[in-house]
C-alpha cells in the first residue's frame, strides 16, 4: 500500500469528483480511478459510491478519511523534521536545487526567507529555455519553476511535461496618485500611447513586454532599474510615467514594510497575454521524488496561508 493512494483518496473526498481531483493531482482520471479501485481491493471494503454528479463516501470511506487526514499530516511533519536535521548535519550540497526563471526568482526570495525550510533550498536563476530543458532531463531530485505567460495557448509546446501551477499573476502597470491615467478595471495597451512606460531592465522582462505588447509595439518604453525597491521608489516619485509590474509582485511589495506603496495603485492589462501562471515543470514519467514533492507542498501551504485573499482574487484555473 502506497502513501499516494491515501493522498489520492483524500483529494477525491475533498473534490467530490474524479475530474476535479485528477486535475488537482495532475494525473489522469483513469489513473486516479485505478488507484482508488486498487485501494478498495486491498482494504477489502467499498470506499466510494459513484453518482451522476460525482462521488460520495461510504461509511467505510468516512472512517478511512478520518485516519488518512491524520496520517498525511503526521507524514508531512515527519518530513519537515527529517529534512531539517539532514540540512543542519550535512554540507550545503544537501540543499534541494530549485531552478527558476527570472521572475519567480525575484518573487520567491521574500517568502522563501520566511520559511523554516529556507535553509534547505538553493535557488538557481536560469533562462527560461534552460529551465525547461532541465525539467525534461530531470530525474525528480531537483525542481524547475517557471513563469508561463500564455499558458493555455502554449500547452502543446510542453506536451511531454506536467506543469503544476502555484499562483496566477497578471501583468499591468503601477501608478501613483495624480497620474493622468488613473484607470478603473483593466487597461488596454493603446491607452498608454502617450504615457511613458518604464520596464525592468532585465532581458527577460524586455521579452515579456514584447510578448504582451506585440499587437501594439508603441515607442514610449523606457528601460528602468532591475532592483525591485528602486522601481517602486521611482514609481512613487513620478506622476507622468507608469511602471510595468504584475499583480503578485505588487502584492508582495505592499506587504514589505521597507517599500512605500501607500500612494501606488495597480491596474492589469486587458489582453489575455498579460496572464501568467507560475509553477513547476517536471516530466510525466519522472515526477518529483519524496523530498522535492515535500518542498512543493510546503511552498503551496505557505502561499495559501499568507496570500489567501490574493488567491481568491486570482484563482488558478486549469
Protein backbone atom coordinates (compact mmCIF):
# COMPACT_ATOMS: atom_id res chain seq x y z
CA UNK A 1 0.00 0.00 0.00
CA UNK A 2 1.47 3.35 -1.09
CA UNK A 3 1.03 6.71 0.62
CA UNK A 4 -0.02 8.22 -2.71
CA UNK A 5 -3.12 6.03 -2.63
CA UNK A 6 -4.18 7.71 0.61
CA UNK A 7 -3.34 11.16 -0.78
CA UNK A 8 -5.43 10.45 -3.88
CA UNK A 9 -8.32 9.22 -1.75
CA UNK A 10 -8.23 12.34 0.46
CA UNK A 11 -8.22 14.63 -2.58
CA UNK A 12 -11.09 12.71 -4.19
CA UNK A 13 -13.10 13.12 -0.97
CA UNK A 14 -12.34 16.85 -0.95
CA UNK A 15 -13.10 17.45 -4.63
CA UNK A 16 -16.14 15.21 -4.80
CA UNK A 17 -15.39 14.09 -8.34
CA UNK A 18 -12.73 12.21 -10.28
CA UNK A 19 -12.44 15.12 -12.70
CA UNK A 20 -11.71 17.75 -10.05
CA UNK A 21 -9.38 15.52 -8.03
CA UNK A 22 -7.42 14.38 -11.09
CA UNK A 23 -6.81 17.99 -12.17
CA UNK A 24 -5.55 18.94 -8.70
CA UNK A 25 -3.32 15.86 -8.50
CA UNK A 26 -2.02 16.25 -12.09
CA UNK A 27 -2.85 12.69 -13.02
CA UNK A 28 -5.37 11.23 -15.46
CA UNK A 29 -8.89 10.32 -14.34
CA UNK A 30 -8.15 6.77 -15.44
CA UNK A 31 -5.04 6.66 -13.25
CA UNK A 32 -6.95 8.02 -10.27
CA UNK A 33 -9.79 5.56 -10.80
CA UNK A 34 -7.30 2.69 -10.92
CA UNK A 35 -5.63 3.84 -7.70
CA UNK A 36 -8.93 4.08 -5.82
CA UNK A 37 -10.13 0.73 -7.14
CA UNK A 38 -6.84 -0.87 -6.06
CA UNK A 39 -7.12 0.71 -2.61
CA UNK A 40 -10.65 -0.69 -2.19
CA UNK A 41 -9.46 -4.14 -3.29
CA UNK A 42 -6.50 -4.08 -0.94
CA UNK A 43 -8.58 -2.96 2.08
CA UNK A 44 -11.48 -5.22 1.15
CA UNK A 45 -14.14 -2.51 1.60
CA UNK A 46 -16.08 -0.15 -0.67
CA UNK A 47 -14.93 3.43 -0.07
CA UNK A 48 -16.98 5.48 -2.54
CA UNK A 49 -20.27 5.45 -4.37
CA UNK A 50 -20.15 6.76 -7.93
CA UNK A 51 -23.05 9.08 -8.65
CA UNK A 52 -24.16 11.14 -11.65
CA UNK A 53 -22.65 14.36 -10.27
CA UNK A 54 -19.52 12.90 -8.70
CA UNK A 55 -18.73 10.60 -5.82
CA UNK A 56 -19.97 10.09 -2.27
CA UNK A 57 -18.03 8.44 0.54
CA UNK A 58 -19.45 5.28 2.06
CA UNK A 59 -19.49 4.78 5.82
CA UNK A 60 -16.17 2.92 5.46
CA UNK A 61 -14.84 5.78 3.35
CA UNK A 62 -15.71 8.29 6.09
CA UNK A 63 -13.82 6.20 8.65
CA UNK A 64 -10.81 5.90 6.39
CA UNK A 65 -10.81 9.65 5.65
CA UNK A 66 -10.60 10.48 9.38
CA UNK A 67 -7.50 8.34 9.74
CA UNK A 68 -5.94 9.32 6.39
CA UNK A 69 -6.00 13.04 7.15
CA UNK A 70 -4.12 12.45 10.41
CA UNK A 71 -1.69 10.11 8.66
CA UNK A 72 -0.91 12.65 5.92
CA UNK A 73 -0.38 15.45 8.44
CA UNK A 74 1.89 13.22 10.52
CA UNK A 75 3.84 12.23 7.42
CA UNK A 76 4.32 15.89 6.47
CA UNK A 77 5.53 16.76 9.98
CA UNK A 78 7.93 13.81 9.88
CA UNK A 79 9.43 15.04 6.60
CA UNK A 80 9.86 18.57 8.00
CA UNK A 81 11.81 17.25 11.00
CA UNK A 82 13.76 14.76 8.90
CA UNK A 83 14.96 17.25 6.30
CA UNK A 84 15.66 19.96 8.90
CA UNK A 85 18.02 17.52 10.61
CA UNK A 86 19.51 16.46 7.29
CA UNK A 87 20.39 20.04 6.31
CA UNK A 88 21.91 21.00 9.67
CA UNK A 89 24.13 17.92 9.81
CA UNK A 90 25.45 17.93 6.22
CA UNK A 91 27.04 20.33 3.76
CA UNK A 92 25.34 22.89 1.53
CA UNK A 93 25.23 20.23 -1.17
CA UNK A 94 22.36 18.69 0.80
CA UNK A 95 20.05 21.56 -0.16
CA UNK A 96 17.49 20.89 -2.86
CA UNK A 97 18.00 22.90 -6.05
CA UNK A 98 15.11 24.92 -7.46
CA UNK A 99 15.96 26.18 -10.93
CA UNK A 100 13.91 29.31 -11.63
CA UNK A 101 13.37 31.79 -14.40
CA UNK A 102 13.95 35.47 -13.64
CA UNK A 103 10.51 36.45 -12.34
CA UNK A 104 9.98 33.51 -9.94
CA UNK A 105 13.49 34.04 -8.60
CA UNK A 106 12.64 37.68 -7.82
CA UNK A 107 9.31 36.97 -6.11
CA UNK A 108 10.43 33.83 -4.26
CA UNK A 109 13.10 35.47 -2.14
CA UNK A 110 10.74 37.40 0.21
CA UNK A 111 8.59 34.46 1.26
CA UNK A 112 11.16 31.66 1.00
CA UNK A 113 13.19 33.65 3.52
CA UNK A 114 10.21 33.46 5.94
CA UNK A 115 10.01 29.67 5.77
CA UNK A 116 11.67 27.33 8.25
CA UNK A 117 12.72 25.21 5.27
CA UNK A 118 14.59 28.11 3.60
CA UNK A 119 17.97 26.68 4.62
CA UNK A 120 17.21 23.52 2.66
CA UNK A 121 16.54 25.36 -0.63
CA UNK A 122 19.11 26.51 -3.15
CA UNK A 123 17.62 28.93 -5.74
CA UNK A 124 19.35 28.89 -9.13
CA UNK A 125 18.26 31.53 -11.65
CA UNK A 126 18.42 30.49 -15.30
CA UNK A 127 16.92 31.49 -18.68
CA UNK A 128 13.50 30.05 -19.47
CA UNK A 129 14.71 27.54 -22.06
CA UNK A 130 17.41 26.22 -19.72
CA UNK A 131 14.80 25.60 -17.02
CA UNK A 132 12.50 23.78 -19.46
CA UNK A 133 15.39 21.68 -20.82
CA UNK A 134 16.45 20.86 -17.26
CA UNK A 135 12.92 19.78 -16.39
CA UNK A 136 12.82 17.48 -19.43
CA UNK A 137 16.05 15.78 -18.31
CA UNK A 138 15.08 15.68 -14.62
CA UNK A 139 15.25 12.51 -12.53
CA UNK A 140 12.92 14.05 -9.94
CA UNK A 141 15.58 15.16 -7.47
CA UNK A 142 15.57 18.87 -8.42
CA UNK A 143 12.75 21.31 -9.12
CA UNK A 144 12.13 23.62 -12.09
CA UNK A 145 9.97 26.71 -11.57
CA UNK A 146 8.82 28.89 -14.49
CA UNK A 147 6.52 31.78 -15.20
CA UNK A 148 4.44 30.73 -18.18
CA UNK A 149 2.67 33.56 -19.99
CA UNK A 150 0.01 32.41 -22.41
CA UNK A 151 -0.07 29.01 -20.67
CA UNK A 152 -3.31 27.89 -22.29
CA UNK A 153 -2.07 28.88 -25.77
CA UNK A 154 1.31 27.22 -25.32
CA UNK A 155 0.31 23.92 -23.74
CA UNK A 156 1.18 21.93 -26.88
CA UNK A 157 4.80 23.09 -26.60
CA UNK A 158 5.13 21.11 -23.37
CA UNK A 159 3.05 18.01 -24.05
CA UNK A 160 5.85 15.83 -22.63
CA UNK A 161 5.83 17.71 -19.32
CA UNK A 162 3.49 18.27 -16.40
CA UNK A 163 3.01 21.93 -15.46
CA UNK A 164 1.82 22.34 -11.88
CA UNK A 165 0.80 25.97 -11.23
CA UNK A 166 1.28 27.60 -7.83
CA UNK A 167 -0.01 31.13 -8.43
CA UNK A 168 -1.54 33.25 -11.17
CA UNK A 169 -0.23 36.73 -11.77
CA UNK A 170 -1.28 39.38 -14.24
CA UNK A 171 0.96 41.97 -15.87
CA UNK A 172 -0.14 45.58 -15.76
CA UNK A 173 1.07 48.97 -14.60
CA UNK A 174 1.54 50.65 -11.25
CA UNK A 175 0.93 54.36 -10.98
CA UNK A 176 0.78 56.93 -8.22
CA UNK A 177 -1.95 59.27 -7.06
CA UNK A 178 -2.27 62.13 -9.52
CA UNK A 179 -1.32 60.07 -12.57
CA UNK A 180 -3.06 61.12 -15.80
CA UNK A 181 -4.27 57.55 -16.43
CA UNK A 182 -5.99 56.76 -13.10
CA UNK A 183 -7.84 53.88 -14.80
CA UNK A 184 -10.53 51.64 -13.45
CA UNK A 185 -10.62 47.94 -14.23
CA UNK A 186 -8.23 46.68 -16.89
CA UNK A 187 -6.33 48.96 -19.24
CA UNK A 188 -5.60 48.48 -22.93
CA UNK A 189 -2.03 48.94 -24.09
CA UNK A 190 -3.20 51.53 -26.62
CA UNK A 191 -4.44 53.74 -23.77
CA UNK A 192 -0.81 54.21 -22.73
CA UNK A 193 0.33 55.54 -26.11
CA UNK A 194 1.10 58.99 -24.70
CA UNK A 195 2.30 57.90 -21.26
CA UNK A 196 5.97 56.99 -20.68
CA UNK A 197 6.11 53.30 -19.74
CA UNK A 198 9.07 52.12 -17.68
CA UNK A 199 10.08 48.45 -17.59
CA UNK A 200 12.58 46.33 -15.71
CA UNK A 201 15.93 46.46 -17.48
CA UNK A 202 16.45 42.69 -17.30
CA UNK A 203 16.38 40.98 -20.74
CA UNK A 204 13.70 38.51 -19.62
CA UNK A 205 11.37 41.38 -18.75
CA UNK A 206 12.07 43.03 -22.08
CA UNK A 207 10.99 39.81 -23.80
CA UNK A 208 7.87 39.74 -21.64
CA UNK A 209 6.99 43.31 -22.59
CA UNK A 210 7.44 42.48 -26.27
CA UNK A 211 5.20 39.41 -25.91
CA UNK A 212 2.40 41.27 -24.11
CA UNK A 213 2.52 44.27 -26.41
CA UNK A 214 3.21 42.59 -29.75
CA UNK A 215 -0.06 43.88 -31.23
CA UNK A 216 0.72 47.45 -30.17
CA UNK A 217 4.51 47.97 -30.39
CA UNK A 218 4.46 51.60 -29.25
CA UNK A 219 7.65 53.61 -28.89
CA UNK A 220 7.23 55.08 -25.42
CA UNK A 221 9.07 52.40 -23.43
CA UNK A 222 11.89 53.38 -21.08
CA UNK A 223 14.35 50.85 -19.69
CA UNK A 224 14.49 51.09 -15.90
CA UNK A 225 16.30 49.54 -12.98
CA UNK A 226 16.01 45.84 -12.22
CA UNK A 227 16.12 46.35 -8.44
CA UNK A 228 12.51 46.00 -7.15
CA UNK A 229 12.99 48.59 -4.41
CA UNK A 230 14.40 51.11 -6.88
CA UNK A 231 11.49 50.53 -9.24
CA UNK A 232 8.90 51.08 -6.50
CA UNK A 233 10.70 54.25 -5.39
CA UNK A 234 10.74 55.50 -8.98
CA UNK A 235 7.01 54.82 -9.41
CA UNK A 236 6.25 56.67 -6.16
CA UNK A 237 8.23 59.73 -7.24
CA UNK A 238 6.85 60.39 -10.74
CA UNK A 239 3.35 61.28 -11.90
CA UNK A 240 3.97 61.35 -15.66
CA UNK A 241 5.15 57.76 -16.02
CA UNK A 242 3.76 54.30 -15.26
CA UNK A 243 5.74 51.18 -14.47
CA UNK A 244 5.28 47.68 -15.88
CA UNK A 245 4.57 45.40 -12.92
CA UNK A 246 2.44 42.40 -12.04
CA UNK A 247 -0.34 41.67 -9.59
CA UNK A 248 1.51 39.21 -7.32
CA UNK A 249 4.72 41.26 -7.34
CA UNK A 250 2.68 44.27 -6.24
CA UNK A 251 1.01 42.17 -3.53
CA UNK A 252 4.46 41.30 -2.16
CA UNK A 253 5.63 44.92 -2.41
CA UNK A 254 2.63 46.17 -0.46
CA UNK A 255 3.39 43.65 2.30
CA UNK A 256 7.02 44.79 2.51
CA UNK A 257 7.44 47.47 5.22
CA UNK A 258 10.62 48.69 3.52
CA UNK A 259 8.69 49.78 0.41
CA UNK A 260 6.49 52.89 0.34
CA UNK A 261 3.46 51.74 -1.66
CA UNK A 262 0.74 53.83 0.02
CA UNK A 263 0.36 56.19 -2.95
CA UNK A 264 0.63 53.49 -5.59
CA UNK A 265 -2.06 51.53 -7.43
CA UNK A 266 -2.05 48.54 -9.78
CA UNK A 267 -4.10 48.14 -12.96
CA UNK A 268 -3.83 44.97 -15.10
CA UNK A 269 -3.64 44.92 -18.88
CA UNK A 270 -6.77 43.77 -20.68
CA UNK A 271 -5.04 41.35 -23.05
CA UNK A 272 -5.13 37.61 -22.13
CA UNK A 273 -1.38 37.60 -22.85
CA UNK A 274 -0.89 39.54 -19.61
CA UNK A 275 -1.84 36.49 -17.53
CA UNK A 276 0.92 34.18 -16.32
CA UNK A 277 0.93 31.03 -14.25
CA UNK A 278 3.95 30.43 -12.04
CA UNK A 279 4.56 26.76 -11.40
CA UNK A 280 6.72 23.66 -11.59
CA UNK A 281 7.61 21.70 -14.71
CA UNK A 282 8.52 18.03 -14.48
CA UNK A 283 8.44 15.02 -16.85
CA UNK A 284 5.34 12.87 -16.90
CA UNK A 285 7.49 9.81 -16.31
CA UNK A 286 9.82 11.30 -13.65
CA UNK A 287 7.72 13.11 -11.09
CA UNK A 288 9.38 14.88 -8.13
CA UNK A 289 10.82 12.49 -5.56
CA UNK A 290 9.67 12.49 -1.93
CA UNK A 291 11.88 15.38 -0.87
CA UNK A 292 11.12 17.53 -3.92
CA UNK A 293 7.40 16.83 -3.56
CA UNK A 294 7.61 17.87 0.09
CA UNK A 295 9.13 21.24 -0.89
CA UNK A 296 6.34 21.84 -3.41
CA UNK A 297 3.70 21.13 -0.77
CA UNK A 298 5.44 23.33 1.81
CA UNK A 299 5.59 26.22 -0.68
CA UNK A 300 1.95 25.71 -1.63
CA UNK A 301 0.84 25.68 2.03
CA UNK A 302 2.90 28.81 2.75
CA UNK A 303 1.30 30.67 -0.15
CA UNK A 304 -2.20 29.56 0.86
CA UNK A 305 -1.63 30.69 4.44
CA UNK A 306 -0.11 34.09 3.74
CA UNK A 307 -1.83 35.08 0.50
CA UNK A 308 -5.31 33.59 0.81
CA UNK A 309 -7.02 36.86 -0.18
CA UNK A 310 -4.82 37.14 -3.26
CA UNK A 311 -5.58 33.55 -4.31
CA UNK A 312 -9.30 34.33 -4.04
CA UNK A 313 -8.88 37.33 -6.32
CA UNK A 314 -6.63 35.50 -8.77
CA UNK A 315 -7.67 31.83 -8.65
CA UNK A 316 -5.73 29.17 -10.52
CA UNK A 317 -7.66 27.73 -13.45
CA UNK A 318 -6.58 24.63 -15.30
